Amino acid sequence: MASLEHLHVGIVGTGFVAKTRVHLFQQQSQATVVAIAGDRERAAAIDAQIAWVPHWSEILGRPDVDLVVVATINAHHGAIAAQALAAGKHVVVEYPLAFSLAEAQALYTLARERQRLLHVEHIELLSDVHRLTRQHLPALGQILTARYGTHSPQRPAPQKWTYAPHLFGFPLTASLSRLHRLIDLLGPVRSVAAQVRYVPEAPLDFFQSCFAQAQLEFVAGAIAEVGYHKGEHCWSAQRTLEICGTHGQIRFEGEQGTLITADDPPQSLEAKSPRGLFQQDTEAVCRHLCQGQPLYVGQQSILRAIATAEAAETAAQTRTVVAVPQV
């Protein structure tokens, strides 16, 4: 894949992430945002000087667009990425890339055939919490258990796509970074059980709250629980990561962590704020396309996370333990 001297970017979406992407690409000397697709008023509020188009397909037809950034409704990610790659564009997608492993694999195959970049944003891997956890993981010995959960209160719950199951997706697919973080640290998952509950109960157009949990058995032997709870019936904000091994434990509450081992006193692990991670991702994309530098996340761990999420959805529907395809 040949490097580009200058990157001309089209943005699909006009929400918070799309706005962030526009401003971050504008800060890159080797990039220019040339078009935004989505709501006209919101696009003008982001930057009225950038060309607006009503539908993302019009961005794909523009010869002055090298890179398409997909920052819109989860359910549309795969279809937009497929058509952008088919049109010869490089593609950046906010996670999840797709709702199924088969669709995600087909997208990577298409990217290889067209010799175009397909990059999925997974900024959890750039966070200081992740860096410190990976740095100290060897001190824990053989990993036995892990737990990762987030609670996000929002009252009242908005009637927007992030609270609509058919657009948001299965909660552990929509919040794929939770699974992906553990897979990046602990390797592939062998099997999964899962449960999901909505308030009000499904079927529904919009939920007030969702509660999703999965129990993972890793190929290497560790077991883990992942939880994603959000909405009106979450009563406090929480973000907890805990990993235990034969020699010790790492535990984070937000950015405040502790390392405990058998032979040493507890060590405080204070992570930096996660602000700035989208900037790091954007800079990495520009360096990759313009200077040929490697990206921070690869295809295999992303496919493993999607495979695990899809298996979790099946497990929740069937109330069985489901084997995860090994990719």
Protein backbone atom coordinates (compact mmCIF):
# COMPACT_ATOMS: atom_id res chain seq x y z
CA MET A 1 0.00 0.00 0.00
CA ALA A 2 1.58 3.25 -1.15
CA SER A 3 1.94 6.13 1.31
CA LEU A 4 0.01 9.34 0.74
CA GLU A 5 1.57 12.79 0.73
CA HIS A 6 -1.63 14.37 2.06
CA LEU A 7 -4.78 12.82 3.47
CA HIS A 8 -8.22 14.03 2.35
CA VAL A 9 -10.87 12.88 4.82
CA GLY A 10 -14.62 12.39 4.62
CA ILE A 11 -16.53 12.02 7.90
CA VAL A 12 -19.73 9.95 8.16
CA GLY A 13 -21.71 11.15 11.17
CA THR A 14 -22.38 14.36 13.07
CA GLY A 15 -22.38 13.18 16.69
CA PHE A 16 -19.81 13.66 19.43
CA VAL A 17 -17.22 11.25 18.01
CA ALA A 18 -17.60 12.64 14.48
CA LYS A 19 -17.13 16.18 15.81
CA THR A 20 -14.05 15.06 17.72
CA ARG A 21 -12.62 13.39 14.62
CA VAL A 22 -13.15 16.50 12.48
CA HIS A 23 -11.29 18.72 14.93
CA LEU A 24 -8.47 16.22 15.42
CA PHE A 25 -7.88 15.70 11.70
CA GLN A 26 -7.89 19.48 11.27
CA GLN A 27 -4.97 19.61 13.70
CA GLN A 28 -2.88 17.27 11.53
CA SER A 29 -0.62 19.06 9.04
CA GLN A 30 -0.90 16.17 6.58
CA ALA A 31 -4.73 15.95 6.62
CA THR A 32 -7.72 17.98 5.40
CA VAL A 33 -11.38 17.24 6.14
CA VAL A 34 -13.22 17.82 2.86
CA ALA A 35 -16.76 16.58 3.56
CA ILE A 36 -19.21 15.62 6.31
CA ALA A 37 -22.29 13.42 5.81
CA GLY A 38 -25.25 13.58 8.17
CA ASP A 39 -27.61 16.08 9.75
CA ARG A 40 -27.12 19.47 8.08
CA GLU A 41 -27.51 21.67 11.15
CA ARG A 42 -25.19 19.53 13.23
CA ALA A 43 -22.63 19.41 10.43
CA ALA A 44 -22.69 23.21 10.19
CA ALA A 45 -22.23 23.44 13.96
CA ILE A 46 -19.11 21.27 13.68
CA ASP A 47 -17.61 23.41 10.91
CA ALA A 48 -19.68 25.38 8.42
CA GLN A 49 -16.68 25.69 6.07
CA ILE A 50 -16.56 21.95 5.37
CA ALA A 51 -18.70 20.67 2.50
CA TRP A 52 -21.91 18.99 3.70
CA VAL A 53 -23.63 16.07 1.96
CA PRO A 54 -26.92 14.56 3.11
CA HIS A 55 -26.00 10.89 2.63
CA TRP A 56 -22.76 9.01 3.20
CA SER A 57 -22.87 7.47 -0.29
CA GLU A 58 -22.07 10.91 -1.71
CA ILE A 59 -18.78 10.94 0.18
CA LEU A 60 -17.82 7.63 -1.45
CA GLY A 61 -18.29 9.13 -4.90
CA ARG A 62 -15.99 12.09 -4.28
CA PRO A 63 -12.58 11.70 -5.99
CA ASP A 64 -11.03 14.11 -3.46
CA VAL A 65 -11.67 11.72 -0.51
CA ASP A 66 -8.89 9.26 0.38
CA LEU A 67 -10.10 8.21 3.82
CA VAL A 68 -13.65 7.64 5.08
CA VAL A 69 -14.20 7.83 8.85
CA VAL A 70 -17.31 5.95 9.95
CA ALA A 71 -18.60 7.53 13.17
CA THR A 72 -22.31 6.86 13.08
CA ILE A 73 -24.93 4.32 14.22
CA ASN A 74 -23.41 0.92 15.11
CA ALA A 75 -25.80 -1.07 12.93
CA HIS A 76 -24.57 0.78 9.82
CA HIS A 77 -20.82 0.38 10.36
CA GLY A 78 -20.32 -2.78 8.34
CA ALA A 79 -22.36 -1.71 5.31
CA ILE A 80 -20.71 1.70 5.07
CA ALA A 81 -17.22 0.23 5.50
CA ALA A 82 -17.90 -2.37 2.78
CA GLN A 83 -19.06 0.19 0.24
CA ALA A 84 -16.22 2.58 1.10
CA LEU A 85 -13.62 -0.15 0.59
CA ALA A 86 -15.30 -1.21 -2.64
CA ALA A 87 -15.05 2.43 -3.78
CA GLY A 88 -11.29 2.35 -3.19
CA LYS A 89 -11.25 4.39 0.03
CA HIS A 90 -9.22 3.79 3.16
CA VAL A 91 -11.55 3.30 6.14
CA VAL A 92 -11.48 4.10 9.85
CA VAL A 93 -14.42 2.72 11.85
CA GLU A 94 -15.42 3.29 15.44
CA TYR A 95 -16.00 -0.06 17.14
CA PRO A 96 -17.78 -2.36 16.60
CA LEU A 97 -16.68 -3.05 13.04
CA ALA A 98 -19.66 -5.38 12.56
CA PHE A 99 -22.23 -7.33 14.54
CA SER A 100 -20.99 -10.73 13.29
CA LEU A 101 -17.66 -12.47 12.84
CA ALA A 102 -18.52 -13.46 9.25
CA GLU A 103 -19.18 -9.85 8.23
CA ALA A 104 -16.01 -8.61 9.96
CA GLN A 105 -13.87 -11.26 8.24
CA ALA A 106 -15.39 -10.38 4.87
CA LEU A 107 -14.53 -6.71 5.43
CA TYR A 108 -10.88 -7.51 6.19
CA THR A 109 -10.75 -9.74 3.09
CA LEU A 110 -12.12 -6.89 0.98
CA ALA A 111 -9.59 -4.45 2.45
CA ARG A 112 -6.73 -6.81 1.52
CA GLU A 113 -8.08 -7.30 -1.99
CA ARG A 114 -8.40 -3.55 -2.54
CA GLN A 115 -5.08 -2.84 -0.77
CA ARG A 116 -6.76 -0.34 1.49
CA LEU A 117 -6.52 0.38 5.20
CA LEU A 118 -9.32 -0.90 7.43
CA HIS A 119 -8.65 0.40 10.92
CA VAL A 120 -11.01 -0.07 13.86
CA GLU A 121 -10.63 2.41 16.71
CA HIS A 122 -9.88 0.64 19.99
CA ILE A 123 -8.49 3.41 22.16
CA GLU A 124 -8.84 1.31 25.31
CA LEU A 125 -5.49 -0.22 24.29
CA LEU A 126 -3.88 3.25 24.36
CA SER A 127 -5.08 4.09 27.87
CA ASP A 128 -2.73 4.36 30.82
CA VAL A 129 -4.85 1.83 32.72
CA HIS A 130 -4.16 -0.71 29.98
CA ARG A 131 -0.47 0.18 29.78
CA LEU A 132 0.05 -0.18 33.53
CA THR A 133 -1.93 -3.42 33.66
CA ARG A 134 0.11 -4.94 30.86
CA GLN A 135 3.36 -3.69 32.43
CA HIS A 136 2.66 -5.33 35.79
CA LEU A 137 0.81 -8.42 34.57
CA PRO A 138 3.91 -10.70 34.74
CA ALA A 139 4.17 -9.99 38.50
CA LEU A 140 0.84 -11.79 39.03
CA GLY A 141 2.15 -15.18 37.93
CA GLN A 142 -0.38 -17.50 36.30
CA ILE A 143 -3.62 -15.58 35.75
CA LEU A 144 -6.57 -17.20 37.51
CA THR A 145 -9.49 -14.76 37.37
CA ALA A 146 -10.44 -11.35 36.01
CA ARG A 147 -13.38 -9.01 36.37
CA TYR A 148 -14.19 -5.92 34.35
CA GLY A 149 -17.36 -3.91 34.74
CA THR A 150 -18.75 -0.48 33.91
CA HIS A 151 -21.89 1.20 35.24
CA SER A 152 -23.08 4.33 33.43
CA PRO A 153 -26.11 6.07 34.97
CA GLN A 154 -28.24 8.28 32.74
CA ARG A 155 -31.53 9.70 34.00
CA PRO A 156 -33.73 10.08 32.11
CA ALA A 157 -32.57 7.69 29.41
CA PRO A 158 -32.65 9.42 26.02
CA GLN A 159 -34.67 8.08 23.11
CA LYS A 160 -31.67 7.92 20.78
CA TRP A 161 -29.96 5.16 18.86
CA THR A 162 -27.62 4.23 21.71
CA TYR A 163 -30.74 3.11 23.62
CA ALA A 164 -32.33 1.26 20.66
CA PRO A 165 -31.30 -2.44 20.57
CA HIS A 166 -31.69 -2.84 16.79
CA LEU A 167 -29.32 0.10 16.18
CA PHE A 168 -27.02 -0.21 19.18
CA GLY A 169 -26.57 -3.97 18.92
CA PHE A 170 -26.18 -6.62 21.60
CA PRO A 171 -24.74 -4.67 24.56
CA LEU A 172 -21.44 -6.58 24.74
CA THR A 173 -20.96 -6.07 20.98
CA ALA A 174 -21.79 -2.37 21.23
CA SER A 175 -19.37 -2.08 24.17
CA LEU A 176 -16.78 -4.31 22.53
CA SER A 177 -13.85 -2.56 24.21
CA ARG A 178 -14.67 -4.40 27.45
CA LEU A 179 -14.11 -7.80 25.88
CA HIS A 180 -11.27 -6.57 23.70
CA ARG A 181 -9.27 -5.24 26.66
CA LEU A 182 -9.29 -8.64 28.39
CA ILE A 183 -8.59 -10.55 25.18
CA ASP A 184 -5.61 -8.30 24.45
CA LEU A 185 -4.28 -9.03 27.95
CA LEU A 186 -5.23 -12.68 28.43
CA GLY A 187 -5.54 -14.13 24.93
CA PRO A 188 -8.42 -15.88 23.13
CA VAL A 189 -11.61 -17.05 24.84
CA ARG A 190 -12.62 -20.72 24.69
CA SER A 191 -16.26 -20.47 25.75
CA VAL A 192 -18.79 -17.98 27.07
CA ALA A 193 -22.04 -17.82 28.99
CA ALA A 194 -24.04 -14.59 29.09
CA GLN A 195 -27.16 -12.88 30.35
CA VAL A 196 -28.89 -9.66 29.29
CA ARG A 197 -31.85 -7.81 30.76
CA TYR A 198 -33.59 -4.69 29.50
CA VAL A 199 -35.94 -2.35 31.33
CA PRO A 200 -38.64 -2.43 30.07
CA GLU A 201 -38.44 -6.02 28.90
CA ALA A 202 -37.81 -6.76 25.21
CA PRO A 203 -39.14 -6.55 22.54
CA LEU A 204 -38.88 -2.80 22.57
CA ASP A 205 -37.88 0.18 20.46
CA PHE A 206 -35.95 1.97 23.22
CA PHE A 207 -34.80 0.76 26.62
CA GLN A 208 -34.45 2.73 29.81
CA SER A 209 -31.69 0.49 31.14
CA CYS A 210 -29.71 -2.54 30.03
CA PHE A 211 -27.72 -4.99 32.11
CA ALA A 212 -25.42 -7.41 30.29
CA GLN A 213 -22.93 -9.83 31.79
CA ALA A 214 -20.73 -12.58 30.40
CA GLN A 215 -18.65 -15.30 31.98
CA LEU A 216 -15.55 -16.15 29.96
CA GLU A 217 -13.25 -19.16 29.98
CA PHE A 218 -9.94 -18.33 28.30
CA VAL A 219 -7.87 -20.82 26.31
CA ALA A 220 -5.01 -20.23 28.75
CA GLY A 221 -7.23 -21.28 31.66
CA ALA A 222 -8.30 -18.02 33.30
CA ILE A 223 -11.96 -17.28 33.97
CA ALA A 224 -13.46 -13.80 33.87
CA GLU A 225 -16.66 -11.85 34.25
CA VAL A 226 -17.48 -8.82 32.11
CA GLY A 227 -20.37 -6.50 32.88
CA TYR A 228 -21.91 -3.57 31.01
CA HIS A 229 -24.75 -1.71 32.72
CA LYS A 230 -26.23 1.62 31.69
CA GLY A 231 -29.32 3.74 31.95
CA GLU A 232 -31.87 4.96 34.47
CA HIS A 233 -31.52 2.05 36.88
CA CYS A 234 -27.75 2.29 37.32
CA TRP A 235 -27.44 4.19 40.56
CA SER A 236 -23.73 4.99 40.62
CA ALA A 237 -20.95 5.36 38.04
CA GLN A 238 -18.35 2.60 38.25
CA ARG A 239 -15.43 1.32 36.19
CA THR A 240 -13.62 -1.58 37.80
CA LEU A 241 -10.86 -3.80 36.43
CA GLU A 242 -9.43 -6.61 38.55
CA ILE A 243 -7.02 -9.36 37.56
CA CYS A 244 -5.84 -12.04 40.04
CA GLY A 245 -3.03 -14.54 39.66
CA THR A 246 -1.05 -17.06 41.66
CA HIS A 247 1.36 -14.33 42.84
CA GLY A 248 -0.80 -11.24 43.20
CA GLN A 249 -3.57 -8.93 42.04
CA ILE A 250 -4.07 -5.73 40.04
CA ARG A 251 -7.19 -3.70 40.73
CA PHE A 252 -8.30 -0.41 39.17
CA GLU A 253 -11.23 1.76 40.18
CA GLY A 254 -11.32 4.32 37.41
CA GLU A 255 -7.74 5.59 37.08
CA GLN A 256 -6.71 4.63 40.63
CA GLY A 257 -5.02 1.25 40.81
CA THR A 258 -3.26 -1.03 43.27
CA LEU A 259 -0.77 -3.83 42.72
CA ILE A 260 -0.66 -6.44 45.49
CA THR A 261 1.93 -9.22 45.53
CA ALA A 262 2.91 -11.79 48.13
CA ASP A 263 6.40 -10.43 48.78
CA ASP A 264 6.00 -6.65 48.61
CA PRO A 265 3.77 -4.00 50.18
CA PRO A 266 0.85 -2.79 48.04
CA GLN A 267 1.94 -0.44 45.26
CA SER A 268 -0.21 2.44 44.06
CA LEU A 269 -0.78 2.60 40.29
CA GLU A 270 -2.10 5.99 39.23
CA ALA A 271 -3.11 6.16 35.59
CA LYS A 272 -3.27 9.34 33.56
CA SER A 273 -6.62 10.71 32.43
CA PRO A 274 -8.01 8.99 29.30
CA ARG A 275 -8.41 12.37 27.62
CA GLY A 276 -6.39 12.59 24.44
CA LEU A 277 -6.80 8.97 23.33
CA PHE A 278 -8.79 9.85 20.19
CA GLN A 279 -5.96 12.22 19.31
CA GLN A 280 -3.43 9.39 19.62
CA ASP A 281 -5.58 7.18 17.41
CA THR A 282 -5.98 9.93 14.79
CA GLU A 283 -2.26 10.65 14.77
CA ALA A 284 -1.53 6.91 14.40
CA VAL A 285 -3.82 6.71 11.34
CA CYS A 286 -2.08 9.71 9.73
CA ARG A 287 1.39 8.29 10.40
CA HIS A 288 0.35 4.93 8.98
CA LEU A 289 -1.11 6.30 5.75
CA CYS A 290 1.48 9.05 5.18
CA GLN A 291 4.67 7.52 6.61
CA GLY A 292 3.90 3.81 6.61
CA GLN A 293 4.25 3.43 10.39
CA PRO A 294 2.48 0.48 12.06
CA LEU A 295 -0.79 0.90 13.92
CA TYR A 296 -1.30 -0.02 17.58
CA VAL A 297 -4.06 -2.62 17.06
CA GLY A 298 -4.26 -5.57 14.71
CA GLN A 299 -6.90 -7.65 12.98
CA GLN A 300 -6.63 -10.80 15.09
CA SER A 301 -7.55 -9.38 18.48
CA ILE A 302 -10.43 -7.40 16.94
CA LEU A 303 -11.83 -10.54 15.28
CA ARG A 304 -11.41 -12.48 18.52
CA ALA A 305 -13.41 -9.84 20.39
CA ILE A 306 -16.20 -9.85 17.78
CA ALA A 307 -16.29 -13.66 17.83
CA THR A 308 -16.59 -13.61 21.61
CA ALA A 309 -19.34 -10.98 21.57
CA GLU A 310 -21.31 -12.91 18.95
CA ALA A 311 -20.98 -16.10 21.02
CA ALA A 312 -22.12 -14.15 24.10
CA GLU A 313 -25.23 -12.99 22.25
CA THR A 314 -26.03 -16.58 21.28
CA ALA A 315 -25.40 -17.70 24.85
CA ALA A 316 -27.79 -15.08 26.21
CA GLN A 317 -30.49 -16.09 23.72
CA THR A 318 -30.15 -19.84 24.29
CA ARG A 319 -29.13 -19.79 27.97
CA THR A 320 -26.29 -22.17 27.18
CA VAL A 321 -22.51 -22.10 27.24
CA VAL A 322 -21.27 -21.38 23.71
CA ALA A 323 -17.87 -22.23 22.23
CA VAL A 324 -16.03 -19.28 20.68
CA PRO A 325 -14.59 -19.77 17.16
CA GLN A 326 -10.80 -19.53 17.20
CA VAL A 327 -9.48 -16.94 14.75
